[in-house]
């Protein structure tokens, strides 16, 4: 006879009681909450045997799509808005609008970040593979919340090519460091990143996540953007995007990543270059 029957407990209560033996208090809290919510979900929708097994199959297929380049579980988290929710909860110190002294808003990392991008000089191009696209220049300053320049800040940038693919998605086509680079700000906190204008692109939709999007009547398109990780000693690291204000998907970005304060304007200059002026404001870390 199970403890649940003997003591009049529901199966949910019994699982939660058994999890009391978890020594790590944070793991215990997470697991007990996960069980409560998961069981409540199953009870609310009266999950059938067939639906339960279909869910197991979906998660199994999601795992099979993951490799050293593609992370289908991050893609799933992104498209369900979970990544954006976690980001918002963990960066509540950042105000959404450009109020005086507000730090730049963060947003999701995405599934295509690769560490150790090549170091590049300010103004050096990240383009190593020519597939068209408008030449662009992202430039501005990295500042603290009092408006002082942050010298020596690192901007780790990456984006998709004009053909709508990241280099890691096309290892037989693009050089691995195409449209990736790390830059340092000068003594005035200034930076310049030469690239191509970002384009809207579809997330990989040939796996279970793409199937789920189609089944729920959603599209797979991301709003055009450049990714950046901005860091400096003594400051909270920032993971963010700069979005193109002409993107057709700013309001319906499939991973819910767009924030108004991260939308920039790529203006055509006299040399035919699309120039976007964008300053990043970093919050100081706690002493």
Protein backbone atom coordinates (compact mmCIF):
# COMPACT_ATOMS: atom_id res chain seq x y z
CA UNK A 1 0.00 0.00 0.00
CA UNK A 2 1.40 3.40 -0.98
CA UNK A 3 1.87 6.21 1.52
CA UNK A 4 -0.68 8.22 -0.48
CA UNK A 5 -3.47 5.71 0.17
CA UNK A 6 -2.45 5.02 3.78
CA UNK A 7 -2.44 8.68 4.76
CA UNK A 8 -5.17 9.92 2.44
CA UNK A 9 -2.74 11.96 0.33
CA UNK A 10 -3.13 12.73 -3.35
CA UNK A 11 -0.35 11.57 -5.65
CA UNK A 12 0.71 15.22 -5.95
CA UNK A 13 1.01 15.56 -2.19
CA UNK A 14 2.94 12.31 -1.92
CA UNK A 15 5.50 13.40 -4.52
CA UNK A 16 5.95 16.73 -2.74
CA UNK A 17 6.42 14.97 0.63
CA UNK A 18 9.06 12.66 -0.81
CA UNK A 19 10.91 15.64 -2.26
CA UNK A 20 11.34 16.98 1.29
CA UNK A 21 14.44 14.77 1.46
CA UNK A 22 16.19 16.99 -1.10
CA UNK A 23 19.18 18.47 0.74
CA UNK A 24 19.70 21.51 -1.48
CA UNK A 25 16.95 23.96 -0.38
CA UNK A 26 16.76 25.75 -3.72
CA UNK A 27 16.50 22.47 -5.66
CA UNK A 28 13.79 21.33 -3.22
CA UNK A 29 11.84 24.54 -3.77
CA UNK A 30 12.12 24.28 -7.57
CA UNK A 31 11.19 20.59 -7.77
CA UNK A 32 8.20 20.87 -5.44
CA UNK A 33 6.87 23.89 -7.33
CA UNK A 34 7.44 22.12 -10.66
CA UNK A 35 5.44 19.10 -9.47
CA UNK A 36 2.57 21.25 -8.16
CA UNK A 37 2.26 23.21 -11.41
CA UNK A 38 2.79 20.24 -13.71
CA UNK A 39 0.18 18.15 -11.92
CA UNK A 40 -2.23 21.10 -11.84
CA UNK A 41 -1.79 21.56 -15.59
CA UNK A 42 -2.51 17.88 -16.27
CA UNK A 43 -5.60 18.01 -14.05
CA UNK A 44 -6.87 21.27 -15.59
CA UNK A 45 -6.80 19.98 -19.18
CA UNK A 46 -7.62 16.37 -18.14
CA UNK A 47 -4.62 15.09 -20.06
CA UNK A 48 -5.35 11.83 -21.90
CA UNK A 49 -3.00 8.86 -22.23
CA UNK A 50 -2.49 9.69 -25.91
CA UNK A 51 -1.74 13.36 -25.20
CA UNK A 52 0.70 12.46 -22.41
CA UNK A 53 2.58 10.11 -24.76
CA UNK A 54 2.55 12.72 -27.56
CA UNK A 55 4.16 15.18 -25.15
CA UNK A 56 6.85 12.66 -24.25
CA UNK A 57 7.47 12.11 -27.97
CA UNK A 58 7.70 15.85 -28.60
CA UNK A 59 10.32 16.33 -25.88
CA UNK A 60 12.27 13.31 -27.12
CA UNK A 61 12.29 14.70 -30.66
CA UNK A 62 13.38 18.08 -29.30
CA UNK A 63 16.37 16.45 -27.62
CA UNK A 64 17.30 14.58 -30.80
CA UNK A 65 17.47 17.92 -32.68
CA UNK A 66 20.12 19.31 -30.31
CA UNK A 67 23.80 19.22 -31.23
CA UNK A 68 26.90 21.37 -30.77
CA UNK A 69 25.42 24.02 -33.11
CA UNK A 70 21.67 23.82 -32.59
CA UNK A 71 19.88 23.97 -29.23
CA UNK A 72 16.25 23.08 -29.88
CA UNK A 73 15.31 23.35 -26.20
CA UNK A 74 16.45 26.99 -26.12
CA UNK A 75 14.42 27.52 -29.28
CA UNK A 76 11.40 26.00 -27.52
CA UNK A 77 11.95 28.19 -24.47
CA UNK A 78 12.28 31.26 -26.71
CA UNK A 79 9.11 30.61 -28.71
CA UNK A 80 7.06 29.97 -25.55
CA UNK A 81 8.18 33.31 -24.10
CA UNK A 82 9.92 31.57 -21.19
CA UNK A 83 13.35 32.97 -22.09
CA UNK A 84 11.98 36.51 -22.16
CA UNK A 85 10.17 35.99 -18.84
CA UNK A 86 13.34 34.70 -17.14
CA UNK A 87 15.31 37.61 -18.59
CA UNK A 88 12.74 40.11 -17.29
CA UNK A 89 12.68 38.59 -13.80
CA UNK A 90 16.47 38.58 -13.51
CA UNK A 91 17.01 42.10 -14.82
CA UNK A 92 14.31 44.02 -12.99
CA UNK A 93 16.84 46.78 -12.21
CA UNK A 94 16.65 47.84 -15.86
CA UNK A 95 13.92 50.32 -16.81
CA UNK A 96 12.20 49.69 -20.13
CA UNK A 97 12.24 53.26 -21.44
CA UNK A 98 15.20 55.56 -21.98
CA UNK A 99 14.65 57.54 -18.79
CA UNK A 100 17.61 59.58 -17.59
CA UNK A 101 20.13 57.22 -16.04
CA UNK A 102 18.30 54.06 -17.10
CA UNK A 103 20.50 51.10 -18.00
CA UNK A 104 20.03 49.58 -21.44
CA UNK A 105 17.35 46.87 -21.48
CA UNK A 106 18.47 43.28 -21.82
CA UNK A 107 16.89 40.61 -23.97
CA UNK A 108 17.37 36.94 -24.78
CA UNK A 109 20.67 35.34 -25.78
CA UNK A 110 19.21 33.22 -28.59
CA UNK A 111 20.44 29.81 -29.78
CA UNK A 112 23.32 30.92 -32.05
CA UNK A 113 25.79 32.57 -29.69
CA UNK A 114 29.35 31.23 -30.01
CA UNK A 115 32.00 32.30 -27.45
CA UNK A 116 35.50 33.52 -28.31
CA UNK A 117 34.69 35.58 -31.38
CA UNK A 118 37.76 37.17 -33.02
CA UNK A 119 39.02 40.47 -31.67
CA UNK A 120 38.53 43.30 -34.15
CA UNK A 121 39.66 46.91 -34.23
CA UNK A 122 37.08 49.68 -33.91
CA UNK A 123 35.59 50.27 -37.34
CA UNK A 124 36.79 46.90 -38.67
CA UNK A 125 34.27 44.89 -40.66
CA UNK A 126 32.84 41.59 -39.41
CA UNK A 127 31.97 40.59 -42.99
CA UNK A 128 34.02 37.60 -44.17
CA UNK A 129 31.48 36.23 -46.64
CA UNK A 130 29.80 38.37 -49.29
CA UNK A 131 26.22 37.35 -49.99
CA UNK A 132 24.87 40.82 -50.62
CA UNK A 133 23.22 43.02 -48.08
CA UNK A 134 23.50 46.72 -47.38
CA UNK A 135 26.78 47.87 -45.79
CA UNK A 136 26.10 49.15 -42.28
CA UNK A 137 27.84 50.76 -39.36
CA UNK A 138 26.67 50.46 -35.77
CA UNK A 139 28.39 53.06 -33.65
CA UNK A 140 27.98 54.91 -30.38
CA UNK A 141 29.29 54.91 -26.85
CA UNK A 142 29.22 52.72 -23.77
CA UNK A 143 28.31 54.83 -20.73
CA UNK A 144 27.60 54.42 -17.03
CA UNK A 145 24.29 55.56 -15.56
CA UNK A 146 25.71 59.01 -14.84
CA UNK A 147 26.63 59.48 -18.50
CA UNK A 148 30.36 58.89 -18.05
CA UNK A 149 32.21 56.98 -20.78
CA UNK A 150 33.26 53.39 -20.02
CA UNK A 151 36.69 52.90 -21.58
CA UNK A 152 37.79 49.38 -22.46
CA UNK A 153 34.29 47.92 -22.45
CA UNK A 154 33.92 44.78 -24.58
CA UNK A 155 31.17 44.48 -27.18
CA UNK A 156 30.75 40.90 -28.39
CA UNK A 157 28.59 41.13 -31.54
CA UNK A 158 27.03 38.53 -33.84
CA UNK A 159 24.26 38.49 -36.44
CA UNK A 160 22.85 36.63 -39.43
CA UNK A 161 24.02 37.23 -43.00
CA UNK A 162 21.91 38.77 -45.74
CA UNK A 163 20.92 35.23 -46.80
CA UNK A 164 19.15 34.98 -43.40
CA UNK A 165 21.53 32.39 -41.90
CA UNK A 166 24.08 32.63 -39.10
CA UNK A 167 27.56 31.31 -39.83
CA UNK A 168 27.06 28.38 -37.44
CA UNK A 169 24.04 27.30 -39.49
CA UNK A 170 26.09 27.07 -42.71
CA UNK A 171 29.49 25.59 -41.81
CA UNK A 172 30.02 24.51 -45.44
CA UNK A 173 29.14 27.96 -46.80
CA UNK A 174 30.17 30.72 -44.40
CA UNK A 175 33.48 31.09 -42.56
CA UNK A 176 32.88 30.25 -38.88
CA UNK A 177 33.68 33.80 -37.74
CA UNK A 178 31.62 35.59 -40.38
CA UNK A 179 29.58 38.42 -38.82
CA UNK A 180 31.04 37.81 -35.39
CA UNK A 181 33.52 39.95 -33.51
CA UNK A 182 34.67 41.43 -30.22
CA UNK A 183 35.40 45.15 -30.00
CA UNK A 184 36.72 47.40 -27.23
CA UNK A 185 35.65 50.96 -26.56
CA UNK A 186 38.27 53.71 -26.74
CA UNK A 187 39.11 56.21 -23.99
CA UNK A 188 35.86 58.10 -24.72
CA UNK A 189 33.76 54.95 -24.55
CA UNK A 190 33.26 54.98 -28.33
CA UNK A 191 32.84 51.92 -30.53
CA UNK A 192 32.25 51.23 -34.25
CA UNK A 193 31.10 47.91 -35.72
CA UNK A 194 31.11 47.62 -39.52
CA UNK A 195 28.77 44.95 -40.85
CA UNK A 196 25.72 44.53 -43.08
CA UNK A 197 22.24 45.75 -42.27
CA UNK A 198 20.43 43.04 -40.29
CA UNK A 199 17.54 41.26 -41.99
CA UNK A 200 14.40 39.54 -40.76
CA UNK A 201 14.95 35.79 -40.70
CA UNK A 202 13.07 32.60 -39.78
CA UNK A 203 14.19 30.55 -36.82
CA UNK A 204 14.91 26.90 -37.74
CA UNK A 205 11.46 25.45 -38.35
CA UNK A 206 12.33 21.96 -39.61
CA UNK A 207 12.14 20.40 -36.14
CA UNK A 208 9.55 19.89 -33.41
CA UNK A 209 9.50 23.59 -32.45
CA UNK A 210 8.65 24.57 -36.02
CA UNK A 211 5.92 21.95 -36.07
CA UNK A 212 4.48 23.36 -32.85
CA UNK A 213 4.49 26.88 -34.29
CA UNK A 214 2.56 25.72 -37.35
CA UNK A 215 0.12 23.70 -35.28
CA UNK A 216 -0.66 26.77 -33.17
CA UNK A 217 -1.04 29.16 -36.13
CA UNK A 218 2.17 31.11 -35.52
CA UNK A 219 4.98 32.22 -37.83
CA UNK A 220 8.70 31.53 -37.35
CA UNK A 221 10.09 35.01 -38.13
CA UNK A 222 12.41 37.10 -36.00
CA UNK A 223 12.63 40.87 -36.29
CA UNK A 224 15.91 42.07 -37.86
CA UNK A 225 18.60 42.66 -35.23
CA UNK A 226 22.21 42.49 -34.18
CA UNK A 227 23.05 40.62 -30.97
CA UNK A 228 25.48 42.11 -28.46
CA UNK A 229 26.97 41.17 -25.13
CA UNK A 230 28.42 44.28 -23.49
CA UNK A 231 30.68 43.96 -20.46
CA UNK A 232 33.18 45.94 -18.42
CA UNK A 233 34.89 45.47 -15.08
CA UNK A 234 32.70 46.72 -12.24
CA UNK A 235 29.48 46.60 -14.27
CA UNK A 236 26.60 44.15 -14.68
CA UNK A 237 27.09 42.27 -17.98
CA UNK A 238 24.46 43.08 -20.58
CA UNK A 239 23.00 40.75 -23.21
CA UNK A 240 20.89 42.68 -25.66
CA UNK A 241 19.90 43.38 -29.29
CA UNK A 242 19.69 46.39 -31.57
CA UNK A 243 16.59 46.03 -33.75
CA UNK A 244 16.03 47.65 -37.15
CA UNK A 245 13.04 49.98 -37.00
CA UNK A 246 12.02 48.96 -40.54
CA UNK A 247 11.55 45.30 -39.66
CA UNK A 248 8.14 43.85 -40.54
CA UNK A 249 8.13 41.70 -37.38
CA UNK A 250 8.76 44.16 -34.54
CA UNK A 251 5.27 43.57 -33.13
CA UNK A 252 5.15 39.82 -33.75
CA UNK A 253 8.74 38.66 -33.17
CA UNK A 254 8.32 34.92 -32.67
CA UNK A 255 10.47 34.80 -29.51
CA UNK A 256 8.94 37.92 -27.88
CA UNK A 257 12.36 39.59 -27.76
CA UNK A 258 11.65 43.12 -29.01
CA UNK A 259 11.69 46.04 -26.57
CA UNK A 260 10.90 49.56 -27.69
CA UNK A 261 14.08 51.00 -26.22
CA UNK A 262 16.21 48.62 -28.31
CA UNK A 263 14.87 49.74 -31.70
CA UNK A 264 17.38 51.74 -33.74
CA UNK A 265 17.21 53.62 -37.04
CA UNK A 266 19.60 52.64 -39.84
CA UNK A 267 20.00 55.90 -41.76
CA UNK A 268 21.48 56.01 -45.27
CA UNK A 269 24.48 58.36 -45.40
CA UNK A 270 26.05 60.07 -48.41
CA UNK A 271 28.40 57.12 -48.97
CA UNK A 272 25.60 54.58 -49.23
CA UNK A 273 26.25 53.21 -45.75
CA UNK A 274 23.40 52.46 -43.34
CA UNK A 275 24.46 54.04 -40.04
CA UNK A 276 22.80 53.35 -36.69
CA UNK A 277 23.78 55.45 -33.68
CA UNK A 278 23.20 53.54 -30.44
CA UNK A 279 24.58 54.09 -26.94
CA UNK A 280 24.70 51.32 -24.34
CA UNK A 281 24.29 52.22 -20.66
CA UNK A 282 25.67 49.76 -18.10
CA UNK A 283 24.59 49.42 -14.48
CA UNK A 284 27.34 49.15 -11.87
CA UNK A 285 27.58 45.83 -10.09
CA UNK A 286 26.98 45.61 -6.36
CA UNK A 287 30.15 46.09 -4.29
